Protein backbone atom coordinates (compact mmCIF):
# COMPACT_ATOMS: atom_id res chain seq x y z
CA MET A 1 9.43 7.91 14.18
CA ILE A 2 5.54 6.91 13.73
CA GLU A 3 4.24 8.71 10.56
CA VAL A 4 0.84 9.22 10.20
CA GLY A 5 -1.41 10.06 7.31
CA CYS A 6 -4.21 8.86 5.27
CA CYS A 7 -4.76 6.31 2.06
CA GLY A 8 -5.43 9.34 -0.87
CA TYR A 9 -6.17 12.82 -0.52
CA PRO A 10 -9.57 13.24 1.63
CA VAL A 11 -9.60 16.68 1.35
CA ALA A 12 -7.78 19.43 -0.61
CA ARG A 13 -4.21 18.93 -0.92
CA ARG A 14 -3.23 22.66 0.73
CA LYS A 15 -5.38 21.76 3.61
CA TYR A 16 -3.68 18.10 4.17
CA PHE A 17 -0.17 19.46 3.52
CA SER A 18 -0.98 21.84 6.82
CA LYS A 19 -2.04 18.78 8.99
CA PHE A 20 0.05 15.71 7.81
CA ARG A 21 3.24 14.99 6.26
CA MET A 22 2.67 11.82 5.08
CA VAL A 23 0.24 10.19 2.47
CA GLU A 24 -0.22 7.06 0.54
CA ILE A 25 -0.57 7.89 -3.18
CA GLN A 26 -3.87 5.14 -4.45
CA THR A 27 -4.12 6.56 -8.09
CA THR A 28 -0.80 4.92 -9.08
CA PHE A 29 -2.72 1.65 -8.39
CA TYR A 30 -5.46 2.51 -10.96
CA ASN A 31 -3.40 3.97 -13.33
CA PRO A 32 0.10 5.55 -12.68
CA PRO A 33 0.19 9.40 -13.35
CA ARG A 34 2.73 10.62 -15.94
CA PRO A 35 5.88 11.55 -14.72
CA GLU A 36 5.61 15.28 -14.87
CA VAL A 37 2.21 14.88 -12.92
CA ALA A 38 4.09 13.31 -10.36
CA GLU A 39 6.67 15.76 -10.16
CA ARG A 40 4.08 18.39 -9.57
CA TRP A 41 2.46 16.45 -6.76
CA ARG A 42 6.39 16.56 -5.23
CA VAL A 43 6.71 20.34 -5.91
CA GLU A 44 3.66 21.80 -4.43
CA ALA A 45 3.83 19.47 -1.40
CA PRO A 46 6.07 20.89 1.59
CA LYS A 47 10.42 19.37 1.28
CA SER A 48 9.38 17.58 4.48
CA PHE A 49 6.33 15.91 3.12
CA GLY A 50 6.57 12.17 2.47
CA PHE A 51 4.86 9.82 0.03
CA THR A 52 4.44 5.95 -0.24
CA LEU A 53 2.59 4.45 -2.78
CA LYS A 54 0.34 1.63 -4.16
CA ALA A 55 1.87 -0.28 -6.38
CA TRP A 56 0.32 -0.68 -10.08
CA GLN A 57 -2.98 -3.44 -10.02
CA LEU A 58 -1.61 -4.73 -13.43
CA ILE A 59 0.92 -6.26 -10.79
CA THR A 60 -1.27 -7.82 -8.56
CA HIS A 61 -5.00 -8.11 -9.80
CA SER A 62 -6.63 -10.47 -12.51
CA PRO A 63 -7.99 -8.43 -15.29
CA LYS A 64 -11.04 -9.92 -13.93
CA SER A 65 -11.03 -7.29 -10.76
CA PRO A 66 -13.55 -4.47 -10.75
CA THR A 67 -11.07 -2.33 -10.11
CA TYR A 68 -9.95 -2.43 -13.90
CA THR A 69 -13.13 -1.50 -15.29
CA LYS A 70 -12.71 1.57 -12.40
CA ALA A 71 -9.74 2.45 -14.05
CA LYS A 72 -11.18 2.06 -17.68
CA LEU A 73 -8.25 -0.41 -18.54
CA ASP A 74 -9.31 -2.48 -21.55
CA ILE A 75 -7.05 -5.68 -21.55
CA PRO A 76 -7.17 -8.01 -25.28
CA ASN A 77 -8.55 -11.03 -24.61
CA GLU A 78 -5.64 -12.83 -25.94
CA LYS A 79 -3.36 -10.98 -23.07
CA LEU A 80 -5.73 -11.76 -20.24
CA GLY A 81 -3.53 -13.82 -18.62
CA SER A 82 -0.74 -11.99 -18.88
CA TYR A 83 -1.60 -9.50 -16.26
CA GLY A 84 -1.75 -9.42 -12.21
CA PHE A 85 -1.14 -12.13 -9.69
CA PHE A 86 2.74 -11.14 -9.95
CA ARG A 87 3.14 -13.34 -13.33
CA PRO A 88 6.66 -13.47 -14.60
CA THR A 89 5.52 -11.86 -17.76
CA PRO A 90 6.96 -8.64 -19.76
CA GLU A 91 3.65 -6.56 -18.95
CA VAL A 92 3.66 -7.04 -15.39
CA PHE A 93 7.58 -5.96 -15.40
CA ASN A 94 6.67 -2.90 -17.55
CA ALA A 95 3.94 -2.32 -14.64
CA TRP A 96 6.68 -2.46 -12.43
CA GLU A 97 8.89 -0.11 -14.29
CA LYS A 98 5.40 2.33 -14.94
CA THR A 99 5.12 2.07 -10.98
CA GLU A 100 8.68 2.64 -9.86
CA GLU A 101 9.17 5.47 -12.15
CA ILE A 102 6.59 7.23 -10.19
CA ALA A 103 8.39 6.26 -6.84
CA ARG A 104 11.60 7.47 -7.92
CA VAL A 105 9.87 10.60 -8.73
CA LEU A 106 7.97 11.47 -5.54
CA GLY A 107 11.04 9.88 -3.62
CA CYS A 108 9.19 7.50 -2.20
CA LYS A 109 10.93 4.86 0.21
CA ILE A 110 8.35 2.38 0.40
CA VAL A 111 5.62 0.62 -1.90
CA VAL A 112 3.01 -1.30 -0.96
CA PHE A 113 1.73 -4.32 -3.05
CA GLN A 114 -1.88 -5.50 -1.93
CA SER A 115 -2.96 -8.49 -3.38
CA PRO A 116 -6.85 -9.42 -3.73
CA ALA A 117 -8.14 -12.04 -1.87
CA SER A 118 -8.76 -14.25 -5.39
CA PHE A 119 -4.96 -14.17 -4.93
CA LEU A 120 -5.06 -17.84 -3.57
CA PRO A 121 -2.06 -19.39 -1.38
CA THR A 122 -1.22 -21.37 -4.02
CA LYS A 123 2.43 -23.15 -5.25
CA GLN A 124 1.75 -21.35 -8.51
CA ASN A 125 1.17 -17.89 -6.79
CA ILE A 126 3.80 -18.05 -4.31
CA GLU A 127 6.36 -19.04 -6.80
CA ASN A 128 5.19 -15.78 -9.08
CA MET A 129 5.96 -13.88 -6.23
CA ARG A 130 9.63 -15.02 -5.83
CA THR A 131 10.36 -14.78 -9.36
CA PHE A 132 8.66 -11.32 -9.67
CA PHE A 133 10.79 -10.26 -6.48
CA GLU A 134 13.63 -11.66 -7.30
CA ARG A 135 14.03 -10.20 -10.79
CA ILE A 136 12.87 -6.86 -10.44
CA ASP A 137 15.78 -4.35 -9.35
CA ARG A 138 14.83 -3.52 -5.56
CA LYS A 139 17.24 -0.18 -5.42
CA ASP A 140 16.53 0.68 -1.65
CA TYR A 141 12.33 0.75 -1.38
CA VAL A 142 10.81 -1.13 1.60
CA PHE A 143 8.52 -3.63 -0.30
CA VAL A 144 5.20 -3.77 1.75
CA TRP A 145 2.89 -6.73 1.36
CA GLU A 146 -0.92 -6.40 2.47
CA SER A 147 -2.46 -10.01 2.22
CA ARG A 148 -5.97 -10.50 1.58
CA GLY A 149 -8.25 -13.45 1.93
CA LYS A 150 -7.19 -17.25 3.00
CA TRP A 151 -3.51 -16.47 3.50
CA ARG A 152 -3.11 -17.97 7.00
CA ARG A 153 -0.62 -16.16 9.22
CA GLU A 154 2.22 -18.48 9.46
CA LYS A 155 2.12 -18.69 5.92
CA VAL A 156 2.47 -14.68 5.42
CA GLN A 157 5.38 -14.58 7.82
CA GLU A 158 7.28 -17.67 5.58
CA VAL A 159 6.68 -15.55 2.49
CA CYS A 160 7.53 -12.06 3.88
CA SER A 161 10.90 -13.55 5.68
CA ASP A 162 12.06 -15.64 2.37
CA LEU A 163 11.27 -12.08 0.18
CA ASN A 164 11.84 -9.40 2.25
CA LEU A 165 8.56 -7.73 2.57
CA VAL A 166 7.03 -6.08 5.48
CA ASP A 167 3.54 -7.76 6.39
CA CYS A 168 1.02 -4.95 6.45
CA VAL A 169 -2.03 -5.43 8.31
CA ASP A 170 -4.88 -3.97 10.00
CA PRO A 171 -2.89 -4.07 14.18
CA LEU A 172 -6.62 -4.12 15.55
CA LYS A 173 -7.58 -7.00 13.70
CA ARG A 174 -3.88 -9.06 13.31
CA SER A 175 -0.59 -8.43 14.77
CA PRO A 176 2.42 -8.17 12.03
CA THR A 177 4.86 -11.07 11.97
CA VAL A 178 7.95 -9.53 10.20
CA GLY A 179 9.46 -6.53 8.58
CA GLU A 180 10.76 -3.01 9.59
CA PRO A 181 9.25 -0.72 9.56
CA ALA A 182 5.77 -1.52 10.57
CA TYR A 183 3.37 -0.32 8.15
CA PHE A 184 -0.48 -0.61 9.17
CA ARG A 185 -3.42 -0.01 6.54
CA LEU A 186 -6.75 0.71 8.53
CA HIS A 187 -10.14 -0.21 6.52
CA GLY A 188 -12.32 0.26 9.03
CA LYS A 189 -14.27 -2.27 11.22
CA GLY A 190 -16.46 -4.16 9.12
CA GLY A 191 -16.25 -1.63 5.99
CA TYR A 192 -15.14 2.03 4.76
CA ARG A 193 -17.77 3.63 6.33
CA TYR A 194 -16.67 2.78 10.13
CA ARG A 195 -15.44 5.67 12.48
CA TYR A 196 -12.83 4.45 15.07
CA SER A 197 -13.63 5.03 18.36
CA HIS A 198 -11.81 7.00 20.95
CA SER A 199 -10.84 3.65 23.04
CA GLU A 200 -9.78 1.83 19.49
CA LEU A 201 -7.23 4.92 18.57
CA GLN A 202 -6.01 4.72 22.19
CA GLU A 203 -5.49 1.02 21.49
CA LEU A 204 -4.00 1.42 18.47
CA ALA A 205 -1.85 4.50 20.05
CA THR A 206 -0.66 1.53 22.48
CA LEU A 207 0.26 -1.10 20.21
CA VAL A 208 2.79 1.54 18.14
CA ASN A 209 3.91 3.35 21.23
CA ASP A 210 6.82 0.60 21.73
CA LEU A 211 7.89 0.64 17.47
CA LYS A 212 11.15 2.61 17.14
CA ASP A 213 9.67 3.78 12.83
CA GLY A 214 6.17 2.77 11.56
CA TYR A 215 3.71 3.55 9.42
CA VAL A 216 -0.20 4.07 10.39
CA MET A 217 -2.15 4.94 7.31
CA PHE A 218 -5.77 5.47 7.46
CA ASN A 219 -8.15 4.20 4.96
CA ASN A 220 -11.73 4.36 6.13
CA ALA A 221 -14.84 7.05 5.14
CA TYR A 222 -13.38 9.23 8.51
CA MET A 223 -9.72 8.97 7.81
CA PHE A 224 -8.99 12.83 7.70
CA GLU A 225 -10.79 13.23 11.11
CA ASP A 226 -9.70 9.69 12.60
CA GLY A 227 -5.95 10.25 11.72
CA LEU A 228 -6.24 13.75 13.33
CA ARG A 229 -7.39 12.48 16.41
CA PHE A 230 -5.15 9.94 16.21
CA LEU A 231 -2.07 12.38 16.03
CA GLN A 232 -3.41 14.08 18.86
CA LEU A 233 -2.94 10.93 21.05
CA LEU A 234 0.59 10.08 20.28
CA LYS A 235 1.49 13.93 21.08
């Protein structure tokens, strides 16, 4: 089955529920909500509605990232080296526990880890990933990794194969290497304010047509409209 949705709610939740049956929660990346808030999200959604979520940035991003400022996260200077880049530190593992708690409350099957372009394909960073994913309790989650920056396709494939991760891509830019179910995030060609053309959505529909299971998540300024147009092409 192909699930289609948006990264975050671009419209009021009630309206969104009437059009889509899947969403990728973004607030967990900036600062996870309290469990009771996540429980309220779960209860207000239709029973057939599904959630995926983006892992807390304390796992993946350095405190130098501007996203920390947006989330109003104030990290003491002496702790700056303890966060992000999958470092095997108590702080990072605690961030995973907070992320997993919300994933459990929402009934998520998939957790998305998005690394920034500053997370380079160095030996140390790959070793950090290995240690992180080997130590945490994976339970029944599917872990999706969206790499950015200077990661070569071959290295992404190697890391995903070794660590049992789904290679998350924009399929209009690059085909995925390994991992099931397929997980696609569409950020817009050239920038967030991009609106996908009919021919591009047709191409996307052709790409997912042969998939047994997959997720197509729009993350551009016109995600709501583009997602609805794409759903029509799948019918």
